N, C-alpha and C. Protein backbone atom coordinates (compact mmCIF):
# COMPACT_ATOMS: atom_id res chain seq x y z
N MET A 1 27.00 22.39 277.77
CA MET A 1 28.23 23.58 278.05
C MET A 1 28.34 23.91 277.02
N PRO A 2 28.54 24.89 276.29
CA PRO A 2 28.27 25.47 275.08
C PRO A 2 30.32 24.81 274.71
N ALA A 3 30.48 25.38 273.84
CA ALA A 3 31.63 24.31 272.62
C ALA A 3 32.63 25.52 273.31
N LYS A 4 34.00 25.23 274.05
CA LYS A 4 35.52 26.05 274.56
C LYS A 4 34.62 27.08 275.68
N GLN A 5 33.71 26.43 276.05
CA GLN A 5 33.51 27.24 277.61
C GLN A 5 34.51 26.72 278.65
N VAL A 6 35.09 27.82 279.10
CA VAL A 6 36.34 27.76 280.21
C VAL A 6 35.89 27.86 281.59
N SER A 7 36.13 26.82 282.94
CA SER A 7 35.36 27.42 284.23
C SER A 7 37.25 27.27 285.34
N LEU A 8 36.66 27.59 285.57
CA LEU A 8 38.10 28.09 286.90
C LEU A 8 36.90 27.75 287.84
N SER A 9 37.35 26.37 289.21
CA SER A 9 37.28 26.95 290.01
C SER A 9 37.94 26.69 291.32
N PHE A 10 37.43 27.59 291.80
CA PHE A 10 38.78 28.13 293.69
C PHE A 10 38.40 26.94 294.47
N ASP A 11 39.12 26.18 294.87
CA ASP A 11 39.57 25.74 296.38
C ASP A 11 39.37 25.76 297.98
N PHE A 12 38.41 26.92 298.48
CA PHE A 12 38.11 27.49 299.84
C PHE A 12 39.49 26.79 300.79
N THR A 13 38.88 25.15 300.46
CA THR A 13 39.14 23.97 301.97
C THR A 13 40.94 24.11 302.35
N GLU A 14 41.34 24.87 300.56
CA GLU A 14 42.92 24.78 300.72
C GLU A 14 42.97 26.24 301.72
N ASP A 15 44.26 26.01 302.55
CA ASP A 15 44.92 26.66 303.34
C ASP A 15 45.45 27.93 302.26
N ILE A 16 45.89 27.90 301.06
CA ILE A 16 45.80 29.23 300.59
C ILE A 16 44.92 30.84 300.34
N TYR A 17 43.59 29.78 300.45
CA TYR A 17 42.42 30.78 300.08
C TYR A 17 41.87 30.77 301.54
N GLN A 18 42.51 30.60 302.32
CA GLN A 18 41.53 30.70 303.81
C GLN A 18 41.55 31.99 303.92
N GLU A 19 42.54 33.01 304.14
CA GLU A 19 42.43 34.74 304.03
C GLU A 19 42.29 35.10 303.02
N GLN A 20 41.42 34.59 301.59
CA GLN A 20 40.99 35.90 300.92
C GLN A 20 39.51 35.29 300.48
N THR A 21 39.31 36.44 300.12
CA THR A 21 37.63 36.98 300.36
C THR A 21 37.95 36.45 298.34
N PRO A 22 36.44 36.23 297.64
CA PRO A 22 36.14 36.43 296.04
C PRO A 22 36.29 37.84 296.07
N LYS A 23 36.34 38.17 294.67
CA LYS A 23 35.90 40.08 294.53
C LYS A 23 35.56 39.75 293.18
N LEU A 24 34.41 40.18 292.91
CA LEU A 24 33.71 40.80 291.68
C LEU A 24 34.02 42.02 291.19
N SER A 25 34.71 41.89 289.90
CA SER A 25 34.86 43.21 289.31
C SER A 25 34.08 43.65 287.54
N ILE A 26 33.49 44.35 288.01
CA ILE A 26 32.72 45.04 286.98
C ILE A 26 33.29 46.12 286.49
N HIS A 27 34.01 46.16 285.10
CA HIS A 27 34.71 47.61 285.04
C HIS A 27 33.71 48.18 283.88
N GLU A 28 34.36 49.33 284.18
CA GLU A 28 33.26 50.63 283.34
C GLU A 28 33.46 50.14 282.11
N LYS A 29 34.49 49.64 281.50
CA LYS A 29 34.95 49.14 279.79
C LYS A 29 33.94 47.69 279.68
N GLY A 30 33.15 47.44 280.47
CA GLY A 30 32.40 46.08 280.29
C GLY A 30 33.22 44.85 280.46
N HIS A 31 33.94 44.54 281.31
CA HIS A 31 34.96 44.08 281.59
C HIS A 31 34.12 43.16 282.50
N VAL A 32 33.80 42.32 283.12
CA VAL A 32 33.75 41.20 284.00
C VAL A 32 34.35 40.75 284.92
N HIS A 33 34.97 39.85 285.62
CA HIS A 33 36.19 38.99 285.86
C HIS A 33 35.74 38.43 287.83
N VAL A 34 36.24 37.74 288.27
CA VAL A 34 36.41 37.33 289.62
C VAL A 34 37.43 36.87 289.81
N TYR A 35 38.20 37.61 291.22
CA TYR A 35 39.76 37.82 291.77
C TYR A 35 39.79 36.94 292.81
N VAL A 36 40.22 35.78 292.80
CA VAL A 36 40.92 35.53 294.55
C VAL A 36 42.38 35.04 294.34
N GLY A 37 43.07 36.64 294.95
CA GLY A 37 44.22 36.24 295.15
C GLY A 37 44.60 37.14 293.69
N ASP A 38 46.13 36.08 293.03
CA ASP A 38 46.10 36.27 292.29
C ASP A 38 45.69 35.34 290.91
N GLU A 39 44.72 34.50 291.20
CA GLU A 39 43.58 33.57 290.28
C GLU A 39 42.60 34.26 289.65
N LYS A 40 42.49 34.51 288.44
CA LYS A 40 41.01 35.13 288.25
C LYS A 40 40.28 33.63 287.26
N ALA A 41 38.80 34.22 286.81
CA ALA A 41 38.23 33.84 286.48
C ALA A 41 37.43 34.93 285.73
N GLY A 42 37.28 35.01 284.56
CA GLY A 42 36.55 35.77 282.81
C GLY A 42 38.15 36.19 282.14
N PRO A 43 37.23 36.73 281.91
CA PRO A 43 36.40 37.81 281.64
C PRO A 43 35.16 37.62 281.09
N LEU A 44 34.27 37.79 281.21
CA LEU A 44 33.78 38.21 280.41
C LEU A 44 33.11 39.42 280.19
N PHE A 45 32.45 39.98 278.55
CA PHE A 45 31.91 41.13 278.40
C PHE A 45 31.18 41.20 277.75
N ILE A 46 30.57 43.09 278.80
CA ILE A 46 29.20 43.14 278.68
C ILE A 46 29.45 45.16 278.05
N PRO A 47 28.17 45.26 277.91
CA PRO A 47 28.54 46.78 276.95
C PRO A 47 29.40 47.87 277.97
N PRO A 48 29.70 48.65 277.95
CA PRO A 48 29.92 49.62 278.63
C PRO A 48 29.67 50.26 279.16
N LEU A 49 29.78 49.85 281.02
CA LEU A 49 28.84 50.65 281.74
C LEU A 49 28.31 52.21 282.04
N ALA A 50 28.82 52.57 280.74
CA ALA A 50 28.00 54.13 280.60
C ALA A 50 27.61 54.24 279.37
N THR A 51 27.55 53.02 279.04
CA THR A 51 26.48 53.20 277.82
C THR A 51 24.94 52.47 278.21
N LEU A 52 24.48 51.94 279.79
CA LEU A 52 23.38 51.87 279.41
C LEU A 52 22.38 52.40 280.25
N THR A 53 21.49 51.65 280.04
CA THR A 53 20.26 52.69 280.34
C THR A 53 19.22 51.54 281.63
N GLY A 54 19.79 51.92 282.58
CA GLY A 54 18.64 51.51 284.00
C GLY A 54 18.93 49.92 284.31
N GLN A 55 19.69 49.00 283.26
CA GLN A 55 20.00 47.64 282.98
C GLN A 55 19.81 46.53 284.44
N HIS A 56 19.52 45.69 284.84
CA HIS A 56 20.26 44.41 285.66
C HIS A 56 21.48 43.67 285.33
N ILE A 57 22.56 44.33 286.38
CA ILE A 57 23.76 43.64 285.92
C ILE A 57 24.49 42.67 286.99
N ALA A 58 23.93 42.81 288.11
CA ALA A 58 24.43 41.00 289.02
C ALA A 58 23.36 41.41 290.17
N SER A 59 23.66 40.33 291.17
CA SER A 59 23.19 40.14 291.60
C SER A 59 23.53 39.44 293.14
N ILE A 60 23.20 39.60 294.22
CA ILE A 60 23.68 39.09 295.46
C ILE A 60 22.79 38.46 296.29
N CYS A 61 23.02 37.29 296.52
CA CYS A 61 21.45 36.23 297.11
C CYS A 61 22.18 35.58 298.19
N PRO A 62 22.01 35.89 298.93
CA PRO A 62 22.22 34.91 300.86
C PRO A 62 21.29 33.88 300.58
N ASP A 63 21.90 32.74 301.62
CA ASP A 63 21.16 31.52 301.59
C ASP A 63 20.16 32.42 302.39
N ALA A 64 20.08 32.41 303.23
CA ALA A 64 19.38 33.06 304.17
C ALA A 64 20.18 33.90 304.89
N PHE A 65 18.98 34.84 305.43
CA PHE A 65 19.62 35.94 306.64
C PHE A 65 19.48 35.40 307.87
N GLU A 66 19.45 34.27 308.30
CA GLU A 66 20.47 34.36 309.88
C GLU A 66 21.06 33.42 309.21
N SER A 67 21.43 32.95 307.92
CA SER A 67 23.36 32.46 307.72
C SER A 67 24.11 33.67 307.96
N LEU A 68 23.43 35.41 307.35
CA LEU A 68 24.86 35.75 307.24
C LEU A 68 25.32 36.36 308.46
N PRO A 69 26.22 36.89 308.85
CA PRO A 69 26.85 37.02 310.27
C PRO A 69 26.23 38.51 310.72
N ILE A 70 26.39 38.62 311.95
CA ILE A 70 25.52 40.09 312.53
C ILE A 70 26.31 40.78 312.59
N PHE A 71 26.17 41.98 312.60
CA PHE A 71 26.80 42.91 312.10
C PHE A 71 27.06 43.93 313.81
N THR A 72 28.24 43.79 314.03
CA THR A 72 28.15 44.62 315.54
C THR A 72 29.07 45.59 315.25
N GLU A 73 29.74 46.10 314.42
CA GLU A 73 30.90 47.56 314.85
C GLU A 73 29.51 48.58 314.29
N LYS A 74 30.55 50.01 314.63
CA LYS A 74 29.63 51.27 314.52
C LYS A 74 29.97 51.43 312.70
N LEU A 75 28.53 52.15 312.05
CA LEU A 75 28.09 51.99 310.95
C LEU A 75 29.21 53.84 310.62
N ARG A 76 30.33 53.59 309.47
CA ARG A 76 30.48 54.03 308.78
C ARG A 76 30.15 55.01 307.85
N GLU A 77 29.81 56.66 308.94
CA GLU A 77 28.98 57.56 308.03
C GLU A 77 29.52 58.42 307.19
N LYS A 78 30.52 58.57 307.31
CA LYS A 78 31.85 59.59 306.59
C LYS A 78 32.69 58.70 306.06
N GLY A 79 33.65 59.62 305.32
CA GLY A 79 34.98 59.30 304.66
C GLY A 79 34.77 59.11 303.21
N SER A 80 36.26 57.68 302.97
CA SER A 80 35.56 57.23 301.82
C SER A 80 34.85 55.74 301.69
N GLU A 81 34.57 55.75 302.72
CA GLU A 81 33.98 53.85 302.68
C GLU A 81 33.06 54.51 303.86
N ILE A 82 31.53 54.29 303.64
CA ILE A 82 30.58 54.44 304.39
C ILE A 82 30.29 53.07 304.32
N ASP A 83 28.70 52.65 305.49
CA ASP A 83 27.89 51.81 305.82
C ASP A 83 27.07 51.75 305.64
N HIS A 84 25.97 51.21 304.63
CA HIS A 84 24.75 51.44 304.73
C HIS A 84 23.49 50.13 305.14
N VAL A 85 22.64 50.48 305.59
CA VAL A 85 21.45 49.24 306.20
C VAL A 85 20.58 49.89 304.82
N ILE A 86 20.30 48.15 304.75
CA ILE A 86 19.51 47.97 303.31
C ILE A 86 18.83 46.68 304.41
N PRO A 87 17.29 47.97 304.62
CA PRO A 87 16.27 46.98 305.53
C PRO A 87 15.62 45.49 304.79
N ALA A 88 14.86 45.53 305.98
CA ALA A 88 14.23 44.10 305.01
C ALA A 88 13.03 43.98 305.71
N ALA A 89 11.78 43.36 305.33
CA ALA A 89 10.52 43.83 305.55
C ALA A 89 10.58 41.79 306.91
N ASN A 90 9.62 42.50 307.94
CA ASN A 90 9.58 41.72 309.38
C ASN A 90 9.67 40.61 309.09
N ASP A 91 8.78 39.76 308.23
CA ASP A 91 8.88 38.77 308.39
C ASP A 91 9.94 38.06 306.54
N ALA A 92 10.45 38.97 306.34
CA ALA A 92 11.65 37.93 305.57
C ALA A 92 12.37 37.24 306.13
N THR A 93 12.40 36.19 305.60
CA THR A 93 14.04 35.27 306.25
C THR A 93 14.72 35.50 305.01
N SER A 94 14.25 36.01 303.84
CA SER A 94 15.63 36.07 302.68
C SER A 94 15.49 37.02 301.76
N GLY A 95 15.82 37.25 300.69
CA GLY A 95 16.03 38.31 299.72
C GLY A 95 17.36 38.35 298.70
N ARG A 96 16.98 39.09 298.21
CA ARG A 96 18.79 39.74 297.45
C ARG A 96 19.00 40.92 296.48
N LEU A 97 20.15 41.06 296.51
CA LEU A 97 20.17 42.85 296.03
C LEU A 97 20.73 42.37 295.12
N ALA A 98 19.61 43.07 294.01
CA ALA A 98 19.65 43.55 292.36
C ALA A 98 20.24 44.84 291.93
N ILE A 99 21.80 44.62 291.10
CA ILE A 99 22.15 45.92 291.28
C ILE A 99 22.21 46.32 289.58
N TYR A 100 21.84 47.85 288.89
CA TYR A 100 21.20 48.13 287.79
C TYR A 100 22.27 49.52 287.34
N ALA A 101 22.31 49.50 286.70
CA ALA A 101 23.70 50.85 286.18
C ALA A 101 22.78 51.78 284.56
N ASN A 102 23.47 52.77 284.90
CA ASN A 102 22.48 53.85 284.25
C ASN A 102 23.62 54.73 283.35
N GLY A 103 23.68 54.94 282.39
CA GLY A 103 25.27 55.91 282.49
C GLY A 103 24.64 57.69 281.64
N HIS A 104 23.71 57.53 282.24
CA HIS A 104 22.82 58.39 281.89
C HIS A 104 21.27 58.94 282.75
N ARG A 105 21.20 58.86 284.13
CA ARG A 105 20.10 58.80 284.66
C ARG A 105 20.06 58.17 285.44
N PRO A 106 19.41 58.90 286.64
CA PRO A 106 19.88 57.69 287.72
C PRO A 106 17.79 57.22 287.54
N ALA A 107 18.13 56.19 286.60
CA ALA A 107 16.40 55.57 286.29
C ALA A 107 16.70 54.24 286.17
N PHE A 108 16.01 53.49 286.70
CA PHE A 108 16.44 51.92 286.58
C PHE A 108 15.70 50.74 285.74
N GLU A 109 15.05 49.46 285.43
CA GLU A 109 14.29 49.30 284.93
C GLU A 109 13.21 48.62 286.13
N ALA A 110 14.01 48.37 287.42
CA ALA A 110 13.03 48.20 289.00
C ALA A 110 13.36 49.87 289.02
N GLN A 111 12.25 50.36 289.73
CA GLN A 111 11.58 51.02 290.56
C GLN A 111 11.79 51.67 291.55
N ASP A 112 11.86 50.86 291.88
CA ASP A 112 11.95 51.26 293.89
C ASP A 112 13.11 50.62 294.44
N CYS A 113 14.20 51.38 293.72
CA CYS A 113 16.26 50.60 294.09
C CYS A 113 15.93 51.54 295.45
N GLY A 114 16.34 50.63 296.31
CA GLY A 114 16.45 51.45 297.78
C GLY A 114 17.92 51.91 297.78
N LEU A 115 18.51 51.48 297.76
CA LEU A 115 20.01 52.63 297.06
C LEU A 115 21.00 52.92 295.60
N ILE A 116 20.93 54.26 295.62
CA ILE A 116 21.04 55.12 294.55
C ILE A 116 22.84 55.58 294.85
N PHE A 117 23.85 54.94 293.75
CA PHE A 117 25.06 56.10 293.57
C PHE A 117 25.43 56.15 292.42
N THR A 118 25.96 57.78 293.10
CA THR A 118 26.87 58.36 291.80
C THR A 118 27.69 58.04 291.71
N LEU A 119 28.48 57.61 290.78
CA LEU A 119 30.27 57.54 290.57
C LEU A 119 30.17 58.56 289.46
N ARG A 120 31.59 59.30 289.54
CA ARG A 120 31.84 60.35 289.46
C ARG A 120 33.93 59.15 288.93
N ARG A 121 34.04 59.49 287.86
CA ARG A 121 35.45 58.83 287.47
C ARG A 121 35.51 60.43 286.14
N ALA A 122 36.84 60.17 286.61
CA ALA A 122 38.06 60.60 285.47
C ALA A 122 37.72 60.39 283.47
N THR A 123 37.58 59.05 284.60
CA THR A 123 37.69 58.97 282.72
C THR A 123 36.08 57.78 282.02
N ILE A 124 35.52 58.63 282.77
CA ILE A 124 33.88 58.66 282.28
C ILE A 124 33.97 60.66 281.72
N ALA A 125 32.96 60.48 281.23
CA ALA A 125 32.54 61.52 281.07
C ALA A 125 31.38 62.65 281.02
N ARG A 126 30.66 61.44 281.62
CA ARG A 126 29.53 62.41 282.32
C ARG A 126 29.46 60.79 284.09
N PRO A 127 28.03 61.32 284.75
CA PRO A 127 28.37 60.42 286.32
C PRO A 127 27.77 59.19 285.92
N LEU A 128 28.14 58.01 286.51
CA LEU A 128 27.11 56.33 286.16
C LEU A 128 26.37 56.27 287.76
N TYR A 129 25.27 55.91 287.46
CA TYR A 129 24.32 55.83 288.17
C TYR A 129 24.10 54.29 288.41
N ILE A 130 24.51 54.19 289.87
CA ILE A 130 24.34 51.88 289.69
C ILE A 130 23.06 52.84 291.19
N GLY A 131 22.17 51.55 291.05
CA GLY A 131 20.82 51.15 291.88
C GLY A 131 20.92 50.09 292.25
N ILE A 132 20.81 49.62 293.59
CA ILE A 132 21.11 48.18 294.17
C ILE A 132 19.30 47.98 294.83
N LYS A 133 18.54 46.83 294.33
CA LYS A 133 16.93 46.90 294.78
C LYS A 133 16.98 45.74 295.78
N PRO A 134 16.74 46.15 297.41
CA PRO A 134 16.30 44.72 297.81
C PRO A 134 15.24 43.77 297.05
N ILE A 135 15.27 42.46 296.83
CA ILE A 135 14.65 41.78 295.94
C ILE A 135 13.78 40.91 297.92
N GLY A 136 13.15 40.52 298.28
CA GLY A 136 12.59 39.26 299.08
C GLY A 136 11.79 38.11 298.85
N GLN A 137 12.93 37.25 299.16
CA GLN A 137 12.39 35.40 299.13
C GLN A 137 12.50 34.13 299.44
N PRO A 138 11.95 33.20 299.72
CA PRO A 138 11.88 32.26 300.41
C PRO A 138 13.81 31.77 300.52
N PRO A 139 13.89 31.73 301.71
CA PRO A 139 15.87 30.96 301.72
C PRO A 139 16.16 30.22 300.66
N ILE A 140 16.79 30.40 300.11
CA ILE A 140 17.26 29.72 298.74
C ILE A 140 17.81 27.61 299.19
N GLY A 141 16.63 26.97 298.96
CA GLY A 141 17.48 25.20 299.18
C GLY A 141 16.47 24.77 300.87
N VAL A 142 16.17 23.93 300.68
CA VAL A 142 15.25 23.06 301.88
C VAL A 142 15.97 23.31 303.24
N ASP A 143 17.65 23.33 303.05
CA ASP A 143 18.19 23.09 304.29
C ASP A 143 18.66 24.78 304.15
N VAL A 144 18.60 25.72 305.25
CA VAL A 144 19.72 26.36 305.29
C VAL A 144 21.05 26.57 305.06
N GLN A 145 21.67 26.68 304.39
CA GLN A 145 22.96 26.77 304.54
C GLN A 145 23.85 28.21 304.96
N LYS A 146 25.45 28.15 304.80
CA LYS A 146 25.28 29.88 305.28
C LYS A 146 26.22 30.04 304.12
N GLY A 147 25.97 30.45 303.07
CA GLY A 147 27.01 31.10 301.84
C GLY A 147 25.97 32.25 301.14
N VAL A 148 26.10 32.60 300.68
CA VAL A 148 26.35 33.92 299.85
C VAL A 148 26.21 33.72 297.92
N THR A 149 25.30 33.94 297.75
CA THR A 149 25.86 33.74 295.70
C THR A 149 25.96 34.91 295.39
N ILE A 150 26.81 34.97 293.94
CA ILE A 150 27.22 36.36 293.31
C ILE A 150 26.87 35.57 291.83
N ILE A 151 26.55 36.28 291.10
CA ILE A 151 25.73 36.19 289.82
C ILE A 151 26.00 37.72 288.83
N ALA A 152 26.96 37.28 288.01
CA ALA A 152 27.13 38.78 286.78
C ALA A 152 27.87 38.19 285.72
N GLY A 153 27.74 39.59 284.89
CA GLY A 153 28.71 39.28 283.75
C GLY A 153 27.74 38.84 281.99
N TRP A 154 26.40 38.40 282.63
CA TRP A 154 25.65 38.08 280.74
C TRP A 154 25.29 39.21 280.64
N ASN A 155 25.29 39.87 279.36
CA ASN A 155 24.71 41.44 278.06
C ASN A 155 23.42 41.68 278.40
N PRO A 156 22.81 42.78 279.67
CA PRO A 156 21.25 43.08 279.79
C PRO A 156 21.18 43.48 278.47
N LEU A 157 21.58 43.98 277.46
CA LEU A 157 21.00 44.20 276.52
C LEU A 157 20.89 43.24 275.71
N GLN A 158 20.96 42.03 275.74
CA GLN A 158 20.64 40.96 274.92
C GLN A 158 20.43 39.52 275.94
N PRO A 159 19.62 39.44 276.82
CA PRO A 159 19.02 38.73 278.13
C PRO A 159 18.09 37.68 276.40
N THR A 160 18.88 36.94 276.62
CA THR A 160 18.05 35.46 276.40
C THR A 160 18.68 34.32 276.63
N ALA A 161 18.28 33.30 276.52
CA ALA A 161 17.80 31.96 277.32
C ALA A 161 18.94 30.53 276.54
N GLU A 162 19.19 31.64 275.71
CA GLU A 162 20.19 30.83 274.91
C GLU A 162 21.48 31.29 274.64
N GLY A 163 22.53 30.90 275.44
CA GLY A 163 23.85 31.10 274.97
C GLY A 163 24.12 32.43 276.30
N PHE A 164 23.55 32.20 277.18
CA PHE A 164 23.01 33.16 278.51
C PHE A 164 25.05 33.09 279.18
N ASP A 165 26.11 33.23 279.22
CA ASP A 165 27.23 32.94 280.02
C ASP A 165 27.21 34.31 281.38
N PHE A 166 27.06 33.59 282.12
CA PHE A 166 27.30 34.65 283.53
C PHE A 166 28.21 34.26 283.83
N LEU A 167 29.13 34.51 285.03
CA LEU A 167 29.94 34.70 286.40
C LEU A 167 28.85 33.58 287.38
N TYR A 168 29.69 33.24 287.97
CA TYR A 168 28.53 32.06 289.67
C TYR A 168 29.95 32.77 290.59
N ILE A 169 29.85 32.59 291.61
CA ILE A 169 30.27 33.15 292.99
C ILE A 169 30.29 32.48 293.82
N ARG A 170 30.40 31.70 294.83
CA ARG A 170 29.37 31.20 295.90
C ARG A 170 30.93 30.99 297.34
N GLY A 171 30.35 31.36 298.12
CA GLY A 171 31.00 31.40 299.68
C GLY A 171 29.94 30.84 300.39
N GLU A 172 31.22 30.87 301.12
CA GLU A 172 30.28 29.51 302.08
C GLU A 172 31.02 30.29 303.65
């Protein structure tokens, strides 16, 4: 671990966290944090999202599809919160969602993003485009766990093996 690296762990077995969900926050100015209640891990700093041109900024990886809860509610199709179904191949047992950002146009390093969102905010001069690409993969690990891993916070303009910092969230 590099010198002066700080790590913060959240113990979800304690009662204080049982009702609180970790929240990854990637701010338009490039600050990346993880929040659980009032506690915060980070920030790491990436370039402002409006300056990106389709780079990969985060990934969400369930251990296996069978470990995810079944969605039994009615899909929300209108309003401020909309549900989106992301299909997987019939034989896929797991996968990940790669998330991309572009501040100029709806184009990404990954050519086949299944979902593309256009975000308009008063604080940015032009729309911000977010692409989500589902990628099939084998389950993570030998024994299927009931968890999801989220990683973010690296600089997508300078991806190097050395000095590659990121935030890692593991929920079970």
